[in-house]
Amino acid sequence: GEDLIRESGIPYAIVRPCALTEEPAGADLIFDQGDNITGKVSRDEVARICIAALESPHALNKTFEVKSTVPFSEPFTVDPENPPPEKDYNEYFKNLKDGITGKEALEQSTVSV
C-alpha cells in the first residue's frame, strides 16, 4: 500500500508509529527512517504528528517511524499541574531524508539463490 501511495504522484507523509498506547501525549520522541525501531507511542501523539505533517513542507513525501523514549515497562503519565511543553514537530521533520522507505534494509538482506 505504501508503494502505491508513493507512486501515485499525490503528496504524502507516511507515518509508521510503533506500538500504540492509551498514554497521554508529551513523552520525548524518536523519529527514525528505515523501518528499524521498536517501542511504543501514544495514539494522541500520533494524531498530533499527522496533523503537523499536513502543514509541514519538511514532512512532504517522507516515510518515517516514531516512538517515545519511555520503555514498555514504564507507564508514561502527565502531571496536570506541570504538563510537558507543546512540541514543534517541524524540528523532527527537518531531519528526515528523502527516499528512505524501509525497503532498503530488506533489499540488502535478500540473498540470491
PDB file of N, CA and C in Angstrom:
ATOM      1  N   GLY A   1       0.805  -1.187   0.000  1.00  0.00           N
ATOM      2  CA  GLY A   1       0.000   0.000   0.000  1.00  0.00           C
ATOM      3  C   GLY A   1       0.859   1.266   0.000  1.00  0.00           C
ATOM      4  N   GLU A   2       1.931   1.251   0.763  1.00  0.00           N
ATOM      5  CA  GLU A   2       2.800   2.435   0.811  1.00  0.00           C
ATOM      6  C   GLU A   2       3.391   2.717  -0.557  1.00  0.00           C
ATOM      7  N   ASP A   3       3.805   1.680  -1.255  1.00  0.00           N
ATOM      8  CA  ASP A   3       4.385   1.883  -2.590  1.00  0.00           C
ATOM      9  C   ASP A   3       3.379   2.536  -3.525  1.00  0.00           C
ATOM     10  N   LEU A   4       2.128   2.117  -3.461  1.00  0.00           N
ATOM     11  CA  LEU A   4       1.100   2.718  -4.317  1.00  0.00           C
ATOM     12  C   LEU A   4       0.923   4.195  -4.006  1.00  0.00           C
ATOM     13  N   ILE A   5       0.954   4.528  -2.733  1.00  0.00           N
ATOM     14  CA  ILE A   5       0.841   5.943  -2.359  1.00  0.00           C
ATOM     15  C   ILE A   5       2.028   6.723  -2.911  1.00  0.00           C
ATOM     16  N   ARG A   6       3.236   6.195  -2.715  1.00  0.00           N
ATOM     17  CA  ARG A   6       4.430   6.894  -3.218  1.00  0.00           C
ATOM     18  C   ARG A   6       4.397   7.063  -4.727  1.00  0.00           C
ATOM     19  N   GLU A   7       3.945   6.034  -5.432  1.00  0.00           N
ATOM     20  CA  GLU A   7       3.938   6.057  -6.895  1.00  0.00           C
ATOM     21  C   GLU A   7       2.764   6.837  -7.482  1.00  0.00           C
ATOM     22  N   SER A   8       1.797   7.220  -6.660  1.00  0.00           N
ATOM     23  CA  SER A   8       0.586   7.875  -7.155  1.00  0.00           C
ATOM     24  C   SER A   8       0.825   9.297  -7.653  1.00  0.00           C
ATOM     25  N   GLY A   9       1.875   9.935  -7.164  1.00  0.00           N
ATOM     26  CA  GLY A   9       2.126  11.321  -7.548  1.00  0.00           C
ATOM     27  C   GLY A   9       1.455  12.331  -6.627  1.00  0.00           C
ATOM     28  N   ILE A  10       0.602  11.885  -5.721  1.00  0.00           N
ATOM     29  CA  ILE A  10      -0.003  12.826  -4.778  1.00  0.00           C
ATOM     30  C   ILE A  10       0.931  13.012  -3.583  1.00  0.00           C
ATOM     31  N   PRO A  11       0.945  14.203  -3.022  1.00  0.00           N
ATOM     32  CA  PRO A  11       1.805  14.454  -1.868  1.00  0.00           C
ATOM     33  C   PRO A  11       1.412  13.545  -0.698  1.00  0.00           C
ATOM     34  N   TYR A  12       2.391  13.120   0.087  1.00  0.00           N
ATOM     35  CA  TYR A  12       2.124  12.206   1.187  1.00  0.00           C
ATOM     36  C   TYR A  12       3.116  12.410   2.318  1.00  0.00           C
ATOM     37  N   ALA A  13       2.757  11.888   3.465  1.00  0.00           N
ATOM     38  CA  ALA A  13       3.660  11.658   4.587  1.00  0.00           C
ATOM     39  C   ALA A  13       3.206  10.328   5.160  1.00  0.00           C
ATOM     40  N   ILE A  14       4.069   9.338   5.144  1.00  0.00           N
ATOM     41  CA  ILE A  14       3.739   8.022   5.681  1.00  0.00           C
ATOM     42  C   ILE A  14       4.331   7.936   7.079  1.00  0.00           C
ATOM     43  N   VAL A  15       3.443   7.869   8.058  1.00  0.00           N
ATOM     44  CA  VAL A  15       3.830   7.820   9.470  1.00  0.00           C
ATOM     45  C   VAL A  15       3.656   6.385   9.941  1.00  0.00           C
ATOM     46  N   ARG A  16       4.724   5.818  10.430  1.00  0.00           N
ATOM     47  CA  ARG A  16       4.709   4.450  10.951  1.00  0.00           C
ATOM     48  C   ARG A  16       4.921   4.492  12.458  1.00  0.00           C
ATOM     49  N   PRO A  17       3.838   4.520  13.220  1.00  0.00           N
ATOM     50  CA  PRO A  17       4.023   4.525  14.671  1.00  0.00           C
ATOM     51  C   PRO A  17       4.399   3.143  15.167  1.00  0.00           C
ATOM     52  N   CYS A  18       5.144   3.101  16.245  1.00  0.00           N
ATOM     53  CA  CYS A  18       5.403   1.833  16.925  1.00  0.00           C
ATOM     54  C   CYS A  18       4.124   1.450  17.665  1.00  0.00           C
ATOM     55  N   ALA A  19       4.193   0.527  18.595  1.00  0.00           N
ATOM     56  CA  ALA A  19       3.005   0.057  19.311  1.00  0.00           C
ATOM     57  C   ALA A  19       2.231   1.241  19.902  1.00  0.00           C
ATOM     58  N   LEU A  20       0.944   1.292  19.607  1.00  0.00           N
ATOM     59  CA  LEU A  20       0.108   2.403  20.063  1.00  0.00           C
ATOM     60  C   LEU A  20      -0.377   2.175  21.488  1.00  0.00           C
ATOM     61  N   THR A  21      -0.359   3.244  22.282  1.00  0.00           N
ATOM     62  CA  THR A  21      -0.811   3.161  23.671  1.00  0.00           C
ATOM     63  C   THR A  21      -1.922   4.175  23.918  1.00  0.00           C
ATOM     64  N   GLU A  22      -2.560   4.017  25.056  1.00  0.00           N
ATOM     65  CA  GLU A  22      -3.584   4.967  25.511  1.00  0.00           C
ATOM     66  C   GLU A  22      -2.969   6.029  26.421  1.00  0.00           C
ATOM     67  N   GLU A  23      -1.652   6.047  26.538  1.00  0.00           N
ATOM     68  CA  GLU A  23      -0.978   7.024  27.385  1.00  0.00           C
ATOM     69  C   GLU A  23      -1.156   8.425  26.800  1.00  0.00           C
ATOM     70  N   PRO A  24      -1.004   9.460  27.618  1.00  0.00           N
ATOM     71  CA  PRO A  24      -1.137  10.818  27.099  1.00  0.00           C
ATOM     72  C   PRO A  24       0.043  11.193  26.206  1.00  0.00           C
ATOM     73  N   ALA A  25      -0.180  12.186  25.375  1.00  0.00           N
ATOM     74  CA  ALA A  25       0.911  12.745  24.572  1.00  0.00           C
ATOM     75  C   ALA A  25       1.851  13.502  25.494  1.00  0.00           C
ATOM     76  N   GLY A  26       3.079  13.699  25.032  1.00  0.00           N
ATOM     77  CA  GLY A  26       4.004  14.522  25.789  1.00  0.00           C
ATOM     78  C   GLY A  26       5.347  13.893  26.079  1.00  0.00           C
ATOM     79  N   ALA A  27       5.466  12.581  25.892  1.00  0.00           N
ATOM     80  CA  ALA A  27       6.758  11.928  26.130  1.00  0.00           C
ATOM     81  C   ALA A  27       7.767  12.398  25.085  1.00  0.00           C
ATOM     82  N   ASP A  28       9.043  12.316  25.419  1.00  0.00           N
ATOM     83  CA  ASP A  28      10.080  12.605  24.430  1.00  0.00           C
ATOM     84  C   ASP A  28       9.970  11.578  23.307  1.00  0.00           C
ATOM     85  N   LEU A  29      10.303  11.999  22.096  1.00  0.00           N
ATOM     86  CA  LEU A  29      10.112  11.149  20.929  1.00  0.00           C
ATOM     87  C   LEU A  29      11.405  10.872  20.185  1.00  0.00           C
ATOM     88  N   ILE A  30      11.385   9.784  19.447  1.00  0.00           N
ATOM     89  CA  ILE A  30      12.450   9.456  18.492  1.00  0.00           C
ATOM     90  C   ILE A  30      11.787   9.232  17.148  1.00  0.00           C
ATOM     91  N   PHE A  31      12.232   9.959  16.149  1.00  0.00           N
ATOM     92  CA  PHE A  31      11.816   9.752  14.766  1.00  0.00           C
ATOM     93  C   PHE A  31      12.980   9.053  14.073  1.00  0.00           C
ATOM     94  N   ASP A  32      12.683   8.086  13.246  1.00  0.00           N
ATOM     95  CA  ASP A  32      13.728   7.388  12.513  1.00  0.00           C
ATOM     96  C   ASP A  32      13.169   6.967  11.160  1.00  0.00           C
ATOM     97  N   GLN A  33      14.040   6.517  10.309  1.00  0.00           N
ATOM     98  CA  GLN A  33      13.647   6.026   8.994  1.00  0.00           C
ATOM     99  C   GLN A  33      14.351   4.716   8.720  1.00  0.00           C
ATOM    100  N   GLY A  34      13.755   3.901   7.865  1.00  0.00           N
ATOM    101  CA  GLY A  34      14.378   2.649   7.504  1.00  0.00           C
ATOM    102  C   GLY A  34      13.716   1.440   8.123  1.00  0.00           C
ATOM    103  N   ASP A  35      12.619   1.650   8.833  1.00  0.00           N
ATOM    104  CA  ASP A  35      11.846   0.554   9.420  1.00  0.00           C
ATOM    105  C   ASP A  35      12.698  -0.275  10.373  1.00  0.00           C
ATOM    106  N   ASN A  36      13.379   0.415  11.305  1.00  0.00           N
ATOM    107  CA  ASN A  36      14.299  -0.312  12.181  1.00  0.00           C
ATOM    108  C   ASN A  36      14.153   0.019  13.669  1.00  0.00           C
ATOM    109  N   ILE A  37      13.032   0.628  14.081  1.00  0.00           N
ATOM    110  CA  ILE A  37      12.860   0.892  15.514  1.00  0.00           C
ATOM    111  C   ILE A  37      11.639   0.153  16.045  1.00  0.00           C
ATOM    112  N   THR A  38      11.677  -0.130  17.326  1.00  0.00           N
ATOM    113  CA  THR A  38      10.526  -0.704  18.025  1.00  0.00           C
ATOM    114  C   THR A  38      10.332   0.087  19.299  1.00  0.00           C
ATOM    115  N   GLY A  39       9.137   0.046  19.805  1.00  0.00           N
ATOM    116  CA  GLY A  39       8.836   0.775  21.024  1.00  0.00           C
ATOM    117  C   GLY A  39       7.358   1.035  21.113  1.00  0.00           C
ATOM    118  N   LYS A  40       7.005   2.097  21.794  1.00  0.00           N
ATOM    119  CA  LYS A  40       5.607   2.461  21.950  1.00  0.00           C
ATOM    120  C   LYS A  40       5.454   3.956  21.749  1.00  0.00           C
ATOM    121  N   VAL A  41       4.223   4.362  21.442  1.00  0.00           N
ATOM    122  CA  VAL A  41       3.926   5.777  21.265  1.00  0.00           C
ATOM    123  C   VAL A  41       2.430   5.988  21.519  1.00  0.00           C
ATOM    124  N   SER A  42       2.110   7.121  22.051  1.00  0.00           N
ATOM    125  CA  SER A  42       0.730   7.467  22.369  1.00  0.00           C
ATOM    126  C   SER A  42      -0.087   7.716  21.106  1.00  0.00           C
ATOM    127  N   ARG A  43      -1.327   7.202  21.098  1.00  0.00           N
ATOM    128  CA  ARG A  43      -2.241   7.487  19.982  1.00  0.00           C
ATOM    129  C   ARG A  43      -2.451   8.989  19.836  1.00  0.00           C
ATOM    130  N   ASP A  44      -2.578   9.686  20.980  1.00  0.00           N
ATOM    131  CA  ASP A  44      -2.760  11.140  20.934  1.00  0.00           C
ATOM    132  C   ASP A  44      -1.574  11.818  20.258  1.00  0.00           C
ATOM    133  N   GLU A  45      -0.378  11.330  20.563  1.00  0.00           N
ATOM    134  CA  GLU A  45       0.826  11.907  19.959  1.00  0.00           C
ATOM    135  C   GLU A  45       0.835  11.675  18.454  1.00  0.00           C
ATOM    136  N   VAL A  46       0.468  10.464  18.024  1.00  0.00           N
ATOM    137  CA  VAL A  46       0.443  10.149  16.591  1.00  0.00           C
ATOM    138  C   VAL A  46      -0.558  11.054  15.870  1.00  0.00           C
ATOM    139  N   ALA A  47      -1.703  11.298  16.479  1.00  0.00           N
ATOM    140  CA  ALA A  47      -2.683  12.202  15.872  1.00  0.00           C
ATOM    141  C   ALA A  47      -2.096  13.602  15.680  1.00  0.00           C
ATOM    142  N   ARG A  48      -1.395  14.080  16.686  1.00  0.00           N
ATOM    143  CA  ARG A  48      -0.765  15.412  16.589  1.00  0.00           C
ATOM    144  C   ARG A  48       0.313  15.440  15.509  1.00  0.00           C
ATOM    145  N   ILE A  49       1.074  14.363  15.417  1.00  0.00           N
ATOM    146  CA  ILE A  49       2.121  14.271  14.390  1.00  0.00           C
ATOM    147  C   ILE A  49       1.500  14.305  12.996  1.00  0.00           C
ATOM    148  N   CYS A  50       0.413  13.572  12.814  1.00  0.00           N
ATOM    149  CA  CYS A  50      -0.244  13.534  11.499  1.00  0.00           C
ATOM    150  C   CYS A  50      -0.780  14.910  11.103  1.00  0.00           C
ATOM    151  N   ILE A  51      -1.368  15.606  12.047  1.00  0.00           N
ATOM    152  CA  ILE A  51      -1.877  16.951  11.761  1.00  0.00           C
ATOM    153  C   ILE A  51      -0.722  17.885  11.413  1.00  0.00           C
ATOM    154  N   ALA A  52       0.356  17.819  12.185  1.00  0.00           N
ATOM    155  CA  ALA A  52       1.520  18.674  11.917  1.00  0.00           C
ATOM    156  C   ALA A  52       2.133  18.342  10.555  1.00  0.00           C
ATOM    157  N   ALA A  53       2.149  17.061  10.185  1.00  0.00           N
ATOM    158  CA  ALA A  53       2.732  16.653   8.899  1.00  0.00           C
ATOM    159  C   ALA A  53       1.958  17.239   7.729  1.00  0.00           C
ATOM    160  N   LEU A  54       0.647  17.418   7.899  1.00  0.00           N
ATOM    161  CA  LEU A  54      -0.165  18.007   6.831  1.00  0.00           C
ATOM    162  C   LEU A  54       0.269  19.429   6.501  1.00  0.00           C
ATOM    163  N   GLU A  55       0.818  20.123   7.482  1.00  0.00           N
ATOM    164  CA  GLU A  55       1.173  21.528   7.318  1.00  0.00           C
ATOM    165  C   GLU A  55       2.670  21.773   7.118  1.00  0.00           C
ATOM    166  N   SER A  56       3.476  20.717   7.188  1.00  0.00           N
ATOM    167  CA  SER A  56       4.921  20.913   7.152  1.00  0.00           C
ATOM    168  C   SER A  56       5.530  20.525   5.812  1.00  0.00           C
ATOM    169  N   PRO A  57       6.261  21.435   5.185  1.00  0.00           N
ATOM    170  CA  PRO A  57       6.964  21.066   3.954  1.00  0.00           C
ATOM    171  C   PRO A  57       8.085  20.056   4.216  1.00  0.00           C
ATOM    172  N   HIS A  58       8.547  19.963   5.459  1.00  0.00           N
ATOM    173  CA  HIS A  58       9.633  19.044   5.798  1.00  0.00           C
ATOM    174  C   HIS A  58       9.163  17.591   5.891  1.00  0.00           C
ATOM    175  N   ALA A  59       7.852  17.374   6.027  1.00  0.00           N
ATOM    176  CA  ALA A  59       7.301  16.015   6.079  1.00  0.00           C
ATOM    177  C   ALA A  59       6.830  15.554   4.702  1.00  0.00           C
ATOM    178  N   LEU A  60       6.816  16.446   3.742  1.00  0.00           N
ATOM    179  CA  LEU A  60       6.295  16.155   2.405  1.00  0.00           C
ATOM    180  C   LEU A  60       7.079  15.034   1.729  1.00  0.00           C
ATOM    181  N   ASN A  61       6.351  14.006   1.323  1.00  0.00           N
ATOM    182  CA  ASN A  61       6.910  12.859   0.598  1.00  0.00           C
ATOM    183  C   ASN A  61       7.981  12.110   1.399  1.00  0.00           C
ATOM    184  N   LYS A  62       7.761  12.023   2.698  1.00  0.00           N
ATOM    185  CA  LYS A  62       8.683  11.303   3.582  1.00  0.00           C
ATOM    186  C   LYS A  62       7.958  10.111   4.214  1.00  0.00           C
ATOM    187  N   THR A  63       8.727   9.089   4.536  1.00  0.00           N
ATOM    188  CA  THR A  63       8.257   7.921   5.267  1.00  0.00           C
ATOM    189  C   THR A  63       9.109   7.828   6.530  1.00  0.00           C
ATOM    190  N   PHE A  64       8.444   7.701   7.685  1.00  0.00           N
ATOM    191  CA  PHE A  64       9.213   7.670   8.923  1.00  0.00           C
ATOM    192  C   PHE A  64       8.475   6.923  10.023  1.00  0.00           C
ATOM    193  N   GLU A  65       9.262   6.467  11.004  1.00  0.00           N
ATOM    194  CA  GLU A  65       8.743   5.801  12.185  1.00  0.00           C
ATOM    195  C   GLU A  65       8.848   6.750  13.371  1.00  0.00           C
ATOM    196  N   VAL A  66       8.012   6.499  14.373  1.00  0.00           N
ATOM    197  CA  VAL A  66       8.070   7.311  15.588  1.00  0.00           C
ATOM    198  C   VAL A  66       7.790   6.429  16.797  1.00  0.00           C
ATOM    199  N   LYS A  67       8.527   6.724  17.871  1.00  0.00           N
ATOM    200  CA  LYS A  67       8.294   6.059  19.161  1.00  0.00           C
ATOM    201  C   LYS A  67       8.631   7.037  20.267  1.00  0.00           C
ATOM    202  N   SER A  68       8.152   6.730  21.462  1.00  0.00           N
ATOM    203  CA  SER A  68       8.545   7.531  22.617  1.00  0.00           C
ATOM    204  C   SER A  68       9.823   6.938  23.198  1.00  0.00           C
ATOM    205  N   THR A  69      10.472   7.704  24.034  1.00  0.00           N
ATOM    206  CA  THR A  69      11.693   7.224  24.684  1.00  0.00           C
ATOM    207  C   THR A  69      11.375   6.430  25.950  1.00  0.00           C
ATOM    208  N   VAL A  70      10.098   6.348  26.311  1.00  0.00           N
ATOM    209  CA  VAL A  70       9.689   5.640  27.526  1.00  0.00           C
ATOM    210  C   VAL A  70       9.630   4.142  27.227  1.00  0.00           C
ATOM    211  N   PRO A  71      10.325   3.317  28.020  1.00  0.00           N
ATOM    212  CA  PRO A  71      10.294   1.866  27.797  1.00  0.00           C
ATOM    213  C   PRO A  71       8.894   1.281  28.005  1.00  0.00           C
ATOM    214  N   PHE A  72       8.638   0.140  27.360  1.00  0.00           N
ATOM    215  CA  PHE A  72       7.356  -0.559  27.536  1.00  0.00           C
ATOM    216  C   PHE A  72       7.049  -0.795  29.007  1.00  0.00           C
ATOM    217  N   SER A  73       8.073  -1.103  29.786  1.00  0.00           N
ATOM    218  CA  SER A  73       7.880  -1.476  31.183  1.00  0.00           C
ATOM    219  C   SER A  73       7.499  -0.307  32.083  1.00  0.00           C
ATOM    220  N   GLU A  74       7.579   0.919  31.558  1.00  0.00           N
ATOM    221  CA  GLU A  74       7.267   2.095  32.361  1.00  0.00           C
ATOM    222  C   GLU A  74       6.080   2.842  31.770  1.00  0.00           C
ATOM    223  N   PRO A  75       5.038   3.079  32.561  1.00  0.00           N
ATOM    224  CA  PRO A  75       3.923   3.878  32.047  1.00  0.00           C
ATOM    225  C   PRO A  75       4.330   5.351  31.985  1.00  0.00           C
ATOM    226  N   PHE A  76       3.794   6.050  31.006  1.00  0.00           N
ATOM    227  CA  PHE A  76       4.038   7.490  30.905  1.00  0.00           C
ATOM    228  C   PHE A  76       2.803   8.203  31.419  1.00  0.00           C
ATOM    229  N   THR A  77       3.006   9.114  32.347  1.00  0.00           N
ATOM    230  CA  THR A  77       1.910   9.911  32.888  1.00  0.00           C
ATOM    231  C   THR A  77       2.288  11.384  32.823  1.00  0.00           C
ATOM    232  N   VAL A  78       1.276  12.218  32.898  1.00  0.00           N
ATOM    233  CA  VAL A  78       1.485  13.665  32.861  1.00  0.00           C
ATOM    234  C   VAL A  78       0.903  14.265  34.128  1.00  0.00           C
ATOM    235  N   ASP A  79       1.677  15.123  34.765  1.00  0.00           N
ATOM    236  CA  ASP A  79       1.198  15.873  35.921  1.00  0.00           C
ATOM    237  C   ASP A  79       0.376  17.046  35.395  1.00  0.00           C
ATOM    238  N   PRO A  80      -0.943  17.077  35.663  1.00  0.00           N
ATOM    239  CA  PRO A  80      -1.783  18.158  35.135  1.00  0.00           C
ATOM    240  C   PRO A  80      -1.330  19.553  35.568  1.00  0.00           C
ATOM    241  N   GLU A  81      -0.645  19.632  36.705  1.00  0.00           N
ATOM    242  CA  GLU A  81      -0.173  20.929  37.175  1.00  0.00           C
ATOM    243  C   GLU A  81       1.146  21.339  36.524  1.00  0.00           C
ATOM    244  N   ASN A  82       1.801  20.401  35.873  1.00  0.00           N
ATOM    245  CA  ASN A  82       3.072  20.691  35.204  1.00  0.00           C
ATOM    246  C   ASN A  82       3.151  19.894  33.894  1.00  0.00           C
ATOM    247  N   PRO A  83       2.270  20.214  32.925  1.00  0.00           N
ATOM    248  CA  PRO A  83       2.253  19.444  31.673  1.00  0.00           C
ATOM    249  C   PRO A  83       3.514  19.683  30.851  1.00  0.00           C
ATOM    250  N   PRO A  84       3.855  18.721  30.000  1.00  0.00           N
ATOM    251  CA  PRO A  84       5.024  18.912  29.132  1.00  0.00           C
ATOM    252  C   PRO A  84       4.757  20.029  28.124  1.00  0.00           C
ATOM    253  N   PRO A  85       5.810  20.688  27.670  1.00  0.00           N
ATOM    254  CA  PRO A  85       5.613  21.759  26.678  1.00  0.00           C
ATOM    255  C   PRO A  85       5.116  21.184  25.353  1.00  0.00           C
ATOM    256  N   GLU A  86       4.434  22.028  24.589  1.00  0.00           N
ATOM    257  CA  GLU A  86       3.994  21.634  23.244  1.00  0.00           C
ATOM    258  C   GLU A  86       5.226  21.392  22.384  1.00  0.00           C
ATOM    259  N   LYS A  87       5.142  20.385  21.527  1.00  0.00           N
ATOM    260  CA  LYS A  87       6.270  20.047  20.659  1.00  0.00           C
ATOM    261  C   LYS A  87       6.185  20.804  19.341  1.00  0.00           C
ATOM    262  N   ASP A  88       7.336  21.171  18.815  1.00  0.00           N
ATOM    263  CA  ASP A  88       7.436  21.687  17.452  1.00  0.00           C
ATOM    264  C   ASP A  88       7.880  20.510  16.587  1.00  0.00           C
ATOM    265  N   TYR A  89       6.916  19.830  15.984  1.00  0.00           N
ATOM    266  CA  TYR A  89       7.219  18.630  15.207  1.00  0.00           C
ATOM    267  C   TYR A  89       8.095  18.938  13.997  1.00  0.00           C
ATOM    268  N   ASN A  90       8.117  20.185  13.546  1.00  0.00           N
ATOM    269  CA  ASN A  90       8.997  20.548  12.430  1.00  0.00           C
ATOM    270  C   ASN A  90      10.450  20.252  12.758  1.00  0.00           C
ATOM    271  N   GLU A  91      10.808  20.358  14.026  1.00  0.00           N
ATOM    272  CA  GLU A  91      12.186  20.061  14.419  1.00  0.00           C
ATOM    273  C   GLU A  91      12.520  18.593  14.145  1.00  0.00           C
ATOM    274  N   TYR A  92      11.552  17.725  14.297  1.00  0.00           N
ATOM    275  CA  TYR A  92      11.742  16.303  13.958  1.00  0.00           C
ATOM    276  C   TYR A  92      11.708  16.114  12.440  1.00  0.00           C
ATOM    277  N   PHE A  93      10.731  16.735  11.782  1.00  0.00           N
ATOM    278  CA  PHE A  93      10.572  16.570  10.337  1.00  0.00           C
ATOM    279  C   PHE A  93      11.800  17.060   9.562  1.00  0.00           C
ATOM    280  N   LYS A  94      12.452  18.098  10.058  1.00  0.00           N
ATOM    281  CA  LYS A  94      13.614  18.670   9.361  1.00  0.00           C
ATOM    282  C   LYS A  94      14.751  17.670   9.176  1.00  0.00           C
ATOM    283  N   ASN A  95      14.826  16.673  10.053  1.00  0.00           N
ATOM    284  CA  ASN A  95      15.913  15.700   9.986  1.00  0.00           C
ATOM    285  C   ASN A  95      15.598  14.510   9.077  1.00  0.00           C
ATOM    286  N   LEU A  96      14.387  14.454   8.543  1.00  0.00           N
ATOM    287  CA  LEU A  96      14.012  13.332   7.678  1.00  0.00           C
ATOM    288  C   LEU A  96      14.661  13.462   6.314  1.00  0.00           C
ATOM    289  N   LYS A  97      15.035  12.324   5.753  1.00  0.00           N
ATOM    290  CA  LYS A  97      15.702  12.307   4.445  1.00  0.00           C
ATOM    291  C   LYS A  97      14.739  11.817   3.371  1.00  0.00           C
ATOM    292  N   ASP A  98      14.967  12.260   2.158  1.00  0.00           N
ATOM    293  CA  ASP A  98      14.177  11.815   1.016  1.00  0.00           C
ATOM    294  C   ASP A  98      14.536  10.387   0.647  1.00  0.00           C
ATOM    295  N   GLY A  99      13.547   9.658   0.136  1.00  0.00           N
ATOM    296  CA  GLY A  99      13.806   8.379  -0.493  1.00  0.00           C
ATOM    297  C   GLY A  99      14.011   7.190   0.418  1.00  0.00           C
ATOM    298  N   ILE A 100      13.879   7.350   1.721  1.00  0.00           N
ATOM    299  CA  ILE A 100      14.059   6.207   2.626  1.00  0.00           C
ATOM    300  C   ILE A 100      12.683   5.629   2.929  1.00  0.00           C
ATOM    301  N   THR A 101      12.482   4.378   2.552  1.00  0.00           N
ATOM    302  CA  THR A 101      11.170   3.753   2.679  1.00  0.00           C
ATOM    303  C   THR A 101      11.144   2.598   3.666  1.00  0.00           C
ATOM    304  N   GLY A 102      12.276   2.066   4.024  1.00  0.00           N
ATOM    305  CA  GLY A 102      12.326   0.882   4.859  1.00  0.00           C
ATOM    306  C   GLY A 102      12.615  -0.366   4.052  1.00  0.00           C
ATOM    307  N   LYS A 103      12.453  -0.266   2.747  1.00  0.00           N
ATOM    308  CA  LYS A 103      12.725  -1.419   1.898  1.00  0.00           C
ATOM    309  C   LYS A 103      14.219  -1.600   1.663  1.00  0.00           C
ATOM    310  N   GLU A 104      15.009  -0.582   1.956  1.00  0.00           N
ATOM    311  CA  GLU A 104      16.445  -0.645   1.708  1.00  0.00           C
ATOM    312  C   GLU A 104      17.098  -1.786   2.495  1.00  0.00           C
ATOM    313  N   ALA A 105      16.750  -1.906   3.770  1.00  0.00           N
ATOM    314  CA  ALA A 105      17.340  -2.965   4.601  1.00  0.00           C
ATOM    315  C   ALA A 105      16.889  -4.334   4.121  1.00  0.00           C
ATOM    316  N   LEU A 106      15.648  -4.432   3.696  1.00  0.00           N
ATOM    317  CA  LEU A 106      15.129  -5.702   3.189  1.00  0.00           C
ATOM    318  C   LEU A 106      15.872  -6.099   1.920  1.00  0.00           C
ATOM    319  N   GLU A 107      16.091  -5.137   1.043  1.00  0.00           N
ATOM    320  CA  GLU A 107      16.794  -5.414  -0.216  1.00  0.00           C
ATOM    321  C   GLU A 107      18.234  -5.818   0.029  1.00  0.00           C
ATOM    322  N   GLN A 108      18.877  -5.229   1.047  1.00  0.00           N
ATOM    323  CA  GLN A 108      20.268  -5.567   1.352  1.00  0.00           C
ATOM    324  C   GLN A 108      20.388  -6.953   1.980  1.00  0.00           C
ATOM    325  N   SER A 109      19.329  -7.390   2.683  1.00  0.00           N
ATOM    326  CA  SER A 109      19.402  -8.693   3.344  1.00  0.00           C
ATOM    327  C   SER A 109      18.933  -9.837   2.444  1.00  0.00           C
ATOM    328  N   THR A 110      18.393  -9.527   1.272  1.00  0.00           N
ATOM    329  CA  THR A 110      17.929 -10.557   0.354  1.00  0.00           C
ATOM    330  C   THR A 110      19.135 -11.215  -0.302  1.00  0.00           C
ATOM    331  N   VAL A 111      19.165 -12.517  -0.240  1.00  0.00           N
ATOM    332  CA  VAL A 111      20.288 -13.280  -0.810  1.00  0.00           C
ATOM    333  C   VAL A 111      19.801 -13.974  -2.074  1.00  0.00           C
ATOM    334  N   SER A 112      20.545 -13.850  -3.139  1.00  0.00           N
ATOM    335  CA  SER A 112      20.210 -14.543  -4.391  1.00  0.00           C
ATOM    336  C   SER A 112      20.558 -16.005  -4.277  1.00  0.00           C
ATOM    337  N   VAL A 113      19.690 -16.833  -4.845  1.00  0.00           N
ATOM    338  CA  VAL A 113      19.941 -18.285  -4.813  1.00  0.00           C
ATOM    339  C   VAL A 113      20.190 -18.777  -6.214  1.00  0.00           C
TER     340      VAL A 113
END
